[in-house]
């Protein structure tokens, strides 16, 4: 179950965490995207992946860990988004 702690009260994730790396990547790519697309990408990361993978170091995230995160997306009824995340994970792109 997710914590109800406010974001400002949560400890910062480690420098090599999925969330930090994803946000750095987002910042680099944001300028090449339309504003609305960039907004959707970040919101989906925040809603769907950061709660599950955000604090974990990238080097230890296993395929099983990704599957658990994607199953959380499927469980909330967003099967299309889970499919896109899976495709992006294995193709090296982000959608």
PDB file of N, CA and C in Angstrom:
ATOM      1  N   UNK A   1       0.843  -1.170   0.000  1.00  0.00           N
ATOM      2  CA  UNK A   1       0.000   0.000   0.000  1.00  0.00           C
ATOM      3  C   UNK A   1       0.893   1.241   0.000  1.00  0.00           C
ATOM      4  N   UNK A   2       0.520   2.216  -0.768  1.00  0.00           N
ATOM      5  CA  UNK A   2       1.299   3.450  -0.855  1.00  0.00           C
ATOM      6  C   UNK A   2       1.143   4.285   0.401  1.00  0.00           C
ATOM      7  N   UNK A   3       2.198   4.978   0.736  1.00  0.00           N
ATOM      8  CA  UNK A   3       2.192   5.850   1.891  1.00  0.00           C
ATOM      9  C   UNK A   3       1.402   7.125   1.583  1.00  0.00           C
ATOM     10  N   UNK A   4       0.758   7.675   2.580  1.00  0.00           N
ATOM     11  CA  UNK A   4       0.029   8.913   2.403  1.00  0.00           C
ATOM     12  C   UNK A   4       0.880  10.121   2.801  1.00  0.00           C
ATOM     13  N   UNK A   5       2.168   9.893   2.990  1.00  0.00           N
ATOM     14  CA  UNK A   5       3.082  10.973   3.336  1.00  0.00           C
ATOM     15  C   UNK A   5       3.172  11.948   2.170  1.00  0.00           C
ATOM     16  N   UNK A   6       3.178  13.235   2.485  1.00  0.00           N
ATOM     17  CA  UNK A   6       3.309  14.241   1.441  1.00  0.00           C
ATOM     18  C   UNK A   6       4.666  14.119   0.784  1.00  0.00           C
ATOM     19  N   UNK A   7       4.697  14.448  -0.492  1.00  0.00           N
ATOM     20  CA  UNK A   7       5.932  14.342  -1.265  1.00  0.00           C
ATOM     21  C   UNK A   7       7.052  15.156  -0.627  1.00  0.00           C
ATOM     22  N   UNK A   8       6.739  16.337  -0.112  1.00  0.00           N
ATOM     23  CA  UNK A   8       7.764  17.190   0.481  1.00  0.00           C
ATOM     24  C   UNK A   8       8.329  16.598   1.776  1.00  0.00           C
ATOM     25  N   UNK A   9       7.598  15.668   2.395  1.00  0.00           N
ATOM     26  CA  UNK A   9       8.043  15.050   3.636  1.00  0.00           C
ATOM     27  C   UNK A   9       8.802  13.751   3.396  1.00  0.00           C
ATOM     28  N   UNK A  10       8.779  13.233   2.190  1.00  0.00           N
ATOM     29  CA  UNK A  10       9.466  11.986   1.876  1.00  0.00           C
ATOM     30  C   UNK A  10      10.960  12.233   1.733  1.00  0.00           C
ATOM     31  N   UNK A  11      11.765  11.244   2.105  1.00  0.00           N
ATOM     32  CA  UNK A  11      13.199  11.407   1.895  1.00  0.00           C
ATOM     33  C   UNK A  11      13.524  11.389   0.399  1.00  0.00           C
ATOM     34  N   UNK A  12      14.578  12.066   0.009  1.00  0.00           N
ATOM     35  CA  UNK A  12      14.995  12.084  -1.397  1.00  0.00           C
ATOM     36  C   UNK A  12      15.496  10.705  -1.803  1.00  0.00           C
ATOM     37  N   UNK A  13      15.179  10.271  -3.021  1.00  0.00           N
ATOM     38  CA  UNK A  13      15.685   8.971  -3.471  1.00  0.00           C
ATOM     39  C   UNK A  13      17.191   9.056  -3.716  1.00  0.00           C
ATOM     40  N   UNK A  14      17.883   7.913  -3.677  1.00  0.00           N
ATOM     41  CA  UNK A  14      19.323   7.918  -3.941  1.00  0.00           C
ATOM     42  C   UNK A  14      19.634   8.431  -5.350  1.00  0.00           C
ATOM     43  N   UNK A  15      20.826   8.953  -5.546  1.00  0.00           N
ATOM     44  CA  UNK A  15      21.236   9.580  -6.805  1.00  0.00           C
ATOM     45  C   UNK A  15      21.114   8.642  -8.016  1.00  0.00           C
ATOM     46  N   UNK A  16      21.272   7.348  -7.809  1.00  0.00           N
ATOM     47  CA  UNK A  16      21.195   6.395  -8.915  1.00  0.00           C
ATOM     48  C   UNK A  16      19.845   5.683  -8.973  1.00  0.00           C
ATOM     49  N   UNK A  17      18.834   6.275  -8.347  1.00  0.00           N
ATOM     50  CA  UNK A  17      17.519   5.636  -8.326  1.00  0.00           C
ATOM     51  C   UNK A  17      16.815   5.811  -9.673  1.00  0.00           C
ATOM     52  N   UNK A  18      15.831   4.952  -9.893  1.00  0.00           N
ATOM     53  CA  UNK A  18      15.051   5.032 -11.125  1.00  0.00           C
ATOM     54  C   UNK A  18      14.437   6.418 -11.278  1.00  0.00           C
ATOM     55  N   UNK A  19      13.889   6.966 -10.201  1.00  0.00           N
ATOM     56  CA  UNK A  19      13.226   8.270 -10.301  1.00  0.00           C
ATOM     57  C   UNK A  19      14.200   9.374 -10.710  1.00  0.00           C
ATOM     58  N   UNK A  20      15.369   9.419 -10.100  1.00  0.00           N
ATOM     59  CA  UNK A  20      16.354  10.456 -10.429  1.00  0.00           C
ATOM     60  C   UNK A  20      16.808  10.309 -11.879  1.00  0.00           C
ATOM     61  N   UNK A  21      17.128   9.098 -12.282  1.00  0.00           N
ATOM     62  CA  UNK A  21      17.589   8.855 -13.656  1.00  0.00           C
ATOM     63  C   UNK A  21      16.476   9.181 -14.653  1.00  0.00           C
ATOM     64  N   UNK A  22      15.246   8.787 -14.356  1.00  0.00           N
ATOM     65  CA  UNK A  22      14.120   9.061 -15.262  1.00  0.00           C
ATOM     66  C   UNK A  22      13.862  10.559 -15.380  1.00  0.00           C
ATOM     67  N   UNK A  23      13.942  11.274 -14.264  1.00  0.00           N
ATOM     68  CA  UNK A  23      13.730  12.725 -14.308  1.00  0.00           C
ATOM     69  C   UNK A  23      14.849  13.433 -15.085  1.00  0.00           C
ATOM     70  N   UNK A  24      16.081  12.966 -14.952  1.00  0.00           N
ATOM     71  CA  UNK A  24      17.189  13.541 -15.724  1.00  0.00           C
ATOM     72  C   UNK A  24      16.975  13.299 -17.212  1.00  0.00           C
ATOM     73  N   UNK A  25      16.569  12.086 -17.556  1.00  0.00           N
ATOM     74  CA  UNK A  25      16.299  11.753 -18.956  1.00  0.00           C
ATOM     75  C   UNK A  25      15.142  12.602 -19.488  1.00  0.00           C
ATOM     76  N   UNK A  26      14.097  12.742 -18.683  1.00  0.00           N
ATOM     77  CA  UNK A  26      12.953  13.560 -19.064  1.00  0.00           C
ATOM     78  C   UNK A  26      13.390  15.001 -19.339  1.00  0.00           C
ATOM     79  N   UNK A  27      14.204  15.558 -18.460  1.00  0.00           N
ATOM     80  CA  UNK A  27      14.663  16.946 -18.616  1.00  0.00           C
ATOM     81  C   UNK A  27      15.440  17.137 -19.922  1.00  0.00           C
ATOM     82  N   UNK A  28      16.217  16.132 -20.305  1.00  0.00           N
ATOM     83  CA  UNK A  28      16.995  16.219 -21.548  1.00  0.00           C
ATOM     84  C   UNK A  28      16.107  16.134 -22.787  1.00  0.00           C
ATOM     85  N   UNK A  29      15.045  15.341 -22.709  1.00  0.00           N
ATOM     86  CA  UNK A  29      14.194  15.105 -23.875  1.00  0.00           C
ATOM     87  C   UNK A  29      13.014  16.069 -23.967  1.00  0.00           C
ATOM     88  N   UNK A  30      12.670  16.706 -22.877  1.00  0.00           N
ATOM     89  CA  UNK A  30      11.478  17.548 -22.791  1.00  0.00           C
ATOM     90  C   UNK A  30      11.397  18.602 -23.899  1.00  0.00           C
ATOM     91  N   UNK A  31      12.507  19.227 -24.226  1.00  0.00           N
ATOM     92  CA  UNK A  31      12.500  20.298 -25.232  1.00  0.00           C
ATOM     93  C   UNK A  31      12.092  19.805 -26.616  1.00  0.00           C
ATOM     94  N   UNK A  32      12.284  18.526 -26.892  1.00  0.00           N
ATOM     95  CA  UNK A  32      11.942  17.991 -28.217  1.00  0.00           C
ATOM     96  C   UNK A  32      10.493  17.516 -28.307  1.00  0.00           C
ATOM     97  N   UNK A  33       9.769  17.575 -27.192  1.00  0.00           N
ATOM     98  CA  UNK A  33       8.386  17.126 -27.167  1.00  0.00           C
ATOM     99  C   UNK A  33       7.419  18.307 -27.119  1.00  0.00           C
ATOM    100  N   UNK A  34       6.224  18.094 -27.624  1.00  0.00           N
ATOM    101  CA  UNK A  34       5.136  19.052 -27.467  1.00  0.00           C
ATOM    102  C   UNK A  34       4.799  19.098 -25.968  1.00  0.00           C
ATOM    103  N   UNK A  35       4.427  20.266 -25.482  1.00  0.00           N
ATOM    104  CA  UNK A  35       4.188  20.473 -24.052  1.00  0.00           C
ATOM    105  C   UNK A  35       3.217  19.439 -23.458  1.00  0.00           C
ATOM    106  N   UNK A  36       2.131  19.189 -24.150  1.00  0.00           N
ATOM    107  CA  UNK A  36       1.140  18.235 -23.644  1.00  0.00           C
ATOM    108  C   UNK A  36       1.676  16.818 -23.538  1.00  0.00           C
ATOM    109  N   UNK A  37       2.496  16.427 -24.508  1.00  0.00           N
ATOM    110  CA  UNK A  37       3.094  15.091 -24.488  1.00  0.00           C
ATOM    111  C   UNK A  37       4.065  14.975 -23.310  1.00  0.00           C
ATOM    112  N   UNK A  38       4.890  15.984 -23.130  1.00  0.00           N
ATOM    113  CA  UNK A  38       5.848  15.988 -22.024  1.00  0.00           C
ATOM    114  C   UNK A  38       5.116  15.877 -20.685  1.00  0.00           C
ATOM    115  N   UNK A  39       4.028  16.610 -20.549  1.00  0.00           N
ATOM    116  CA  UNK A  39       3.223  16.570 -19.334  1.00  0.00           C
ATOM    117  C   UNK A  39       2.713  15.148 -19.079  1.00  0.00           C
ATOM    118  N   UNK A  40       2.170  14.499 -20.122  1.00  0.00           N
ATOM    119  CA  UNK A  40       1.649  13.135 -19.973  1.00  0.00           C
ATOM    120  C   UNK A  40       2.737  12.155 -19.570  1.00  0.00           C
ATOM    121  N   UNK A  41       3.903  12.281 -20.191  1.00  0.00           N
ATOM    122  CA  UNK A  41       5.005  11.371 -19.886  1.00  0.00           C
ATOM    123  C   UNK A  41       5.369  11.466 -18.407  1.00  0.00           C
ATOM    124  N   UNK A  42       5.555  12.684 -17.930  1.00  0.00           N
ATOM    125  CA  UNK A  42       5.952  12.863 -16.530  1.00  0.00           C
ATOM    126  C   UNK A  42       4.855  12.383 -15.584  1.00  0.00           C
ATOM    127  N   UNK A  43       3.614  12.712 -15.862  1.00  0.00           N
ATOM    128  CA  UNK A  43       2.498  12.279 -14.990  1.00  0.00           C
ATOM    129  C   UNK A  43       2.382  10.757 -14.953  1.00  0.00           C
ATOM    130  N   UNK A  44       2.566  10.104 -16.089  1.00  0.00           N
ATOM    131  CA  UNK A  44       2.497   8.640 -16.106  1.00  0.00           C
ATOM    132  C   UNK A  44       3.621   8.026 -15.295  1.00  0.00           C
ATOM    133  N   UNK A  45       4.812   8.598 -15.402  1.00  0.00           N
ATOM    134  CA  UNK A  45       5.937   8.108 -14.593  1.00  0.00           C
ATOM    135  C   UNK A  45       5.599   8.266 -13.109  1.00  0.00           C
ATOM    136  N   UNK A  46       5.094   9.450 -12.745  1.00  0.00           N
ATOM    137  CA  UNK A  46       4.792   9.730 -11.340  1.00  0.00           C
ATOM    138  C   UNK A  46       3.676   8.831 -10.810  1.00  0.00           C
ATOM    139  N   UNK A  47       2.677   8.572 -11.627  1.00  0.00           N
ATOM    140  CA  UNK A  47       1.541   7.761 -11.187  1.00  0.00           C
ATOM    141  C   UNK A  47       1.807   6.269 -11.251  1.00  0.00           C
ATOM    142  N   UNK A  48       2.527   5.841 -12.289  1.00  0.00           N
ATOM    143  CA  UNK A  48       2.623   4.412 -12.568  1.00  0.00           C
ATOM    144  C   UNK A  48       3.949   3.757 -12.193  1.00  0.00           C
ATOM    145  N   UNK A  49       5.045   4.459 -12.286  1.00  0.00           N
ATOM    146  CA  UNK A  49       6.338   3.805 -12.070  1.00  0.00           C
ATOM    147  C   UNK A  49       7.077   4.280 -10.831  1.00  0.00           C
ATOM    148  N   UNK A  50       7.060   5.559 -10.549  1.00  0.00           N
ATOM    149  CA  UNK A  50       7.803   6.043  -9.384  1.00  0.00           C
ATOM    150  C   UNK A  50       7.353   5.406  -8.066  1.00  0.00           C
ATOM    151  N   UNK A  51       6.035   5.189  -7.869  1.00  0.00           N
ATOM    152  CA  UNK A  51       5.636   4.557  -6.604  1.00  0.00           C
ATOM    153  C   UNK A  51       6.237   3.158  -6.416  1.00  0.00           C
ATOM    154  N   UNK A  52       6.449   2.443  -7.511  1.00  0.00           N
ATOM    155  CA  UNK A  52       6.955   1.068  -7.430  1.00  0.00           C
ATOM    156  C   UNK A  52       8.468   1.001  -7.572  1.00  0.00           C
ATOM    157  N   UNK A  53       9.017   1.772  -8.486  1.00  0.00           N
ATOM    158  CA  UNK A  53      10.443   1.652  -8.824  1.00  0.00           C
ATOM    159  C   UNK A  53      11.269   2.869  -8.443  1.00  0.00           C
ATOM    160  N   UNK A  54      10.624   3.975  -8.140  1.00  0.00           N
ATOM    161  CA  UNK A  54      11.293   5.256  -7.973  1.00  0.00           C
ATOM    162  C   UNK A  54      12.491   5.281  -7.049  1.00  0.00           C
ATOM    163  N   UNK A  55      12.415   4.641  -5.900  1.00  0.00           N
ATOM    164  CA  UNK A  55      13.499   4.678  -4.929  1.00  0.00           C
ATOM    165  C   UNK A  55      14.570   3.629  -5.118  1.00  0.00           C
ATOM    166  N   UNK A  56      14.357   2.730  -6.062  1.00  0.00           N
ATOM    167  CA  UNK A  56      15.327   1.647  -6.270  1.00  0.00           C
ATOM    168  C   UNK A  56      16.475   2.077  -7.166  1.00  0.00           C
ATOM    169  N   UNK A  57      17.691   1.657  -6.834  1.00  0.00           N
ATOM    170  CA  UNK A  57      18.807   1.912  -7.750  1.00  0.00           C
ATOM    171  C   UNK A  57      18.553   1.200  -9.082  1.00  0.00           C
ATOM    172  N   UNK A  58      18.833   1.873 -10.164  1.00  0.00           N
ATOM    173  CA  UNK A  58      18.579   1.335 -11.497  1.00  0.00           C
ATOM    174  C   UNK A  58      19.261  -0.021 -11.695  1.00  0.00           C
ATOM    175  N   UNK A  59      20.460  -0.158 -11.177  1.00  0.00           N
ATOM    176  CA  UNK A  59      21.246  -1.384 -11.392  1.00  0.00           C
ATOM    177  C   UNK A  59      20.600  -2.633 -10.795  1.00  0.00           C
ATOM    178  N   UNK A  60      19.716  -2.467  -9.816  1.00  0.00           N
ATOM    179  CA  UNK A  60      19.122  -3.657  -9.201  1.00  0.00           C
ATOM    180  C   UNK A  60      17.674  -3.905  -9.615  1.00  0.00           C
ATOM    181  N   UNK A  61      17.150  -3.086 -10.511  1.00  0.00           N
ATOM    182  CA  UNK A  61      15.775  -3.311 -10.967  1.00  0.00           C
ATOM    183  C   UNK A  61      15.777  -4.504 -11.918  1.00  0.00           C
ATOM    184  N   UNK A  62      15.038  -5.511 -11.533  1.00  0.00           N
ATOM    185  CA  UNK A  62      14.977  -6.747 -12.316  1.00  0.00           C
ATOM    186  C   UNK A  62      13.760  -6.742 -13.236  1.00  0.00           C
ATOM    187  N   UNK A  63      13.745  -7.628 -14.213  1.00  0.00           N
ATOM    188  CA  UNK A  63      12.535  -7.754 -15.042  1.00  0.00           C
ATOM    189  C   UNK A  63      11.299  -8.046 -14.187  1.00  0.00           C
ATOM    190  N   UNK A  64      11.476  -8.813 -13.136  1.00  0.00           N
ATOM    191  CA  UNK A  64      10.341  -9.111 -12.251  1.00  0.00           C
ATOM    192  C   UNK A  64       9.835  -7.831 -11.569  1.00  0.00           C
ATOM    193  N   UNK A  65      10.751  -6.963 -11.161  1.00  0.00           N
ATOM    194  CA  UNK A  65      10.367  -5.696 -10.550  1.00  0.00           C
ATOM    195  C   UNK A  65       9.573  -4.826 -11.509  1.00  0.00           C
ATOM    196  N   UNK A  66       9.987  -4.814 -12.769  1.00  0.00           N
ATOM    197  CA  UNK A  66       9.263  -4.055 -13.794  1.00  0.00           C
ATOM    198  C   UNK A  66       7.877  -4.662 -13.987  1.00  0.00           C
ATOM    199  N   UNK A  67       7.803  -5.985 -14.005  1.00  0.00           N
ATOM    200  CA  UNK A  67       6.518  -6.665 -14.167  1.00  0.00           C
ATOM    201  C   UNK A  67       5.561  -6.329 -13.021  1.00  0.00           C
ATOM    202  N   UNK A  68       6.070  -6.284 -11.813  1.00  0.00           N
ATOM    203  CA  UNK A  68       5.226  -5.925 -10.662  1.00  0.00           C
ATOM    204  C   UNK A  68       4.664  -4.514 -10.851  1.00  0.00           C
ATOM    205  N   UNK A  69       5.517  -3.582 -11.274  1.00  0.00           N
ATOM    206  CA  UNK A  69       5.063  -2.207 -11.509  1.00  0.00           C
ATOM    207  C   UNK A  69       4.011  -2.161 -12.612  1.00  0.00           C
ATOM    208  N   UNK A  70       4.236  -2.878 -13.684  1.00  0.00           N
ATOM    209  CA  UNK A  70       3.284  -2.888 -14.794  1.00  0.00           C
ATOM    210  C   UNK A  70       1.969  -3.552 -14.405  1.00  0.00           C
ATOM    211  N   UNK A  71       2.045  -4.581 -13.578  1.00  0.00           N
ATOM    212  CA  UNK A  71       0.809  -5.213 -13.105  1.00  0.00           C
ATOM    213  C   UNK A  71      -0.014  -4.247 -12.259  1.00  0.00           C
ATOM    214  N   UNK A  72       0.646  -3.336 -11.551  1.00  0.00           N
ATOM    215  CA  UNK A  72      -0.071  -2.300 -10.813  1.00  0.00           C
ATOM    216  C   UNK A  72      -0.844  -1.394 -11.749  1.00  0.00           C
ATOM    217  N   UNK A  73      -0.253  -1.101 -12.910  1.00  0.00           N
ATOM    218  CA  UNK A  73      -0.927  -0.277 -13.919  1.00  0.00           C
ATOM    219  C   UNK A  73      -2.125  -1.043 -14.479  1.00  0.00           C
ATOM    220  N   UNK A  74      -1.927  -2.311 -14.795  1.00  0.00           N
ATOM    221  CA  UNK A  74      -3.012  -3.147 -15.322  1.00  0.00           C
ATOM    222  C   UNK A  74      -4.145  -3.257 -14.300  1.00  0.00           C
ATOM    223  N   UNK A  75      -3.785  -3.433 -13.030  1.00  0.00           N
ATOM    224  CA  UNK A  75      -4.799  -3.582 -11.980  1.00  0.00           C
ATOM    225  C   UNK A  75      -5.695  -2.362 -11.852  1.00  0.00           C
ATOM    226  N   UNK A  76      -5.184  -1.200 -12.205  1.00  0.00           N
ATOM    227  CA  UNK A  76      -6.033  -0.005 -12.130  1.00  0.00           C
ATOM    228  C   UNK A  76      -6.790   0.231 -13.437  1.00  0.00           C
ATOM    229  N   UNK A  77      -6.661  -0.710 -14.388  1.00  0.00           N
ATOM    230  CA  UNK A  77      -7.451  -0.656 -15.604  1.00  0.00           C
ATOM    231  C   UNK A  77      -6.797   0.053 -16.776  1.00  0.00           C
ATOM    232  N   UNK A  78      -5.530   0.347 -16.694  1.00  0.00           N
ATOM    233  CA  UNK A  78      -4.827   1.066 -17.765  1.00  0.00           C
ATOM    234  C   UNK A  78      -3.953   0.100 -18.565  1.00  0.00           C
ATOM    235  N   UNK A  79      -4.579  -0.866 -19.192  1.00  0.00           N
ATOM    236  CA  UNK A  79      -3.856  -1.904 -19.919  1.00  0.00           C
ATOM    237  C   UNK A  79      -3.034  -1.324 -21.070  1.00  0.00           C
ATOM    238  N   UNK A  80      -3.574  -0.339 -21.796  1.00  0.00           N
ATOM    239  CA  UNK A  80      -2.842   0.277 -22.904  1.00  0.00           C
ATOM    240  C   UNK A  80      -1.535   0.904 -22.430  1.00  0.00           C
ATOM    241  N   UNK A  81      -1.586   1.589 -21.305  1.00  0.00           N
ATOM    242  CA  UNK A  81      -0.383   2.222 -20.768  1.00  0.00           C
ATOM    243  C   UNK A  81       0.630   1.162 -20.353  1.00  0.00           C
ATOM    244  N   UNK A  82       0.181   0.086 -19.730  1.00  0.00           N
ATOM    245  CA  UNK A  82       1.090  -0.990 -19.339  1.00  0.00           C
ATOM    246  C   UNK A  82       1.755  -1.593 -20.571  1.00  0.00           C
ATOM    247  N   UNK A  83       0.983  -1.774 -21.636  1.00  0.00           N
ATOM    248  CA  UNK A  83       1.552  -2.310 -22.874  1.00  0.00           C
ATOM    249  C   UNK A  83       2.615  -1.362 -23.430  1.00  0.00           C
ATOM    250  N   UNK A  84       2.322  -0.062 -23.447  1.00  0.00           N
ATOM    251  CA  UNK A  84       3.294   0.919 -23.943  1.00  0.00           C
ATOM    252  C   UNK A  84       4.559   0.913 -23.099  1.00  0.00           C
ATOM    253  N   UNK A  85       4.411   0.815 -21.790  1.00  0.00           N
ATOM    254  CA  UNK A  85       5.568   0.785 -20.894  1.00  0.00           C
ATOM    255  C   UNK A  85       6.425  -0.445 -21.184  1.00  0.00           C
ATOM    256  N   UNK A  86       5.781  -1.590 -21.414  1.00  0.00           N
ATOM    257  CA  UNK A  86       6.520  -2.810 -21.712  1.00  0.00           C
ATOM    258  C   UNK A  86       7.264  -2.664 -23.026  1.00  0.00           C
ATOM    259  N   UNK A  87       6.605  -2.171 -24.037  1.00  0.00           N
ATOM    260  CA  UNK A  87       7.233  -1.980 -25.347  1.00  0.00           C
ATOM    261  C   UNK A  87       8.394  -0.998 -25.250  1.00  0.00           C
ATOM    262  N   UNK A  88       8.209   0.082 -24.510  1.00  0.00           N
ATOM    263  CA  UNK A  88       9.271   1.087 -24.363  1.00  0.00           C
ATOM    264  C   UNK A  88      10.456   0.506 -23.596  1.00  0.00           C
ATOM    265  N   UNK A  89      10.187  -0.295 -22.596  1.00  0.00           N
ATOM    266  CA  UNK A  89      11.260  -0.879 -21.783  1.00  0.00           C
ATOM    267  C   UNK A  89      12.170  -1.739 -22.647  1.00  0.00           C
ATOM    268  N   UNK A  90      11.586  -2.508 -23.547  1.00  0.00           N
ATOM    269  CA  UNK A  90      12.384  -3.437 -24.324  1.00  0.00           C
ATOM    270  C   UNK A  90      12.894  -2.868 -25.639  1.00  0.00           C
ATOM    271  N   UNK A  91      12.372  -1.718 -26.057  1.00  0.00           N
ATOM    272  CA  UNK A  91      12.869  -1.103 -27.291  1.00  0.00           C
ATOM    273  C   UNK A  91      13.835   0.036 -27.011  1.00  0.00           C
ATOM    274  N   UNK A  92      13.927   0.447 -25.736  1.00  0.00           N
ATOM    275  CA  UNK A  92      14.838   1.529 -25.362  1.00  0.00           C
ATOM    276  C   UNK A  92      14.255   2.910 -25.590  1.00  0.00           C
ATOM    277  N   UNK A  93      12.942   2.994 -25.850  1.00  0.00           N
ATOM    278  CA  UNK A  93      12.279   4.298 -26.046  1.00  0.00           C
ATOM    279  C   UNK A  93      11.289   4.509 -24.937  1.00  0.00           C
ATOM    280  N   UNK A  94      10.677   5.664 -24.929  1.00  0.00           N
ATOM    281  CA  UNK A  94       9.708   5.994 -23.901  1.00  0.00           C
ATOM    282  C   UNK A  94       8.441   6.486 -24.557  1.00  0.00           C
ATOM    283  N   UNK A  95       7.280   6.013 -24.058  1.00  0.00           N
ATOM    284  CA  UNK A  95       6.009   6.516 -24.609  1.00  0.00           C
ATOM    285  C   UNK A  95       5.072   6.902 -23.524  1.00  0.00           C
TER     286      UNK A  95
END
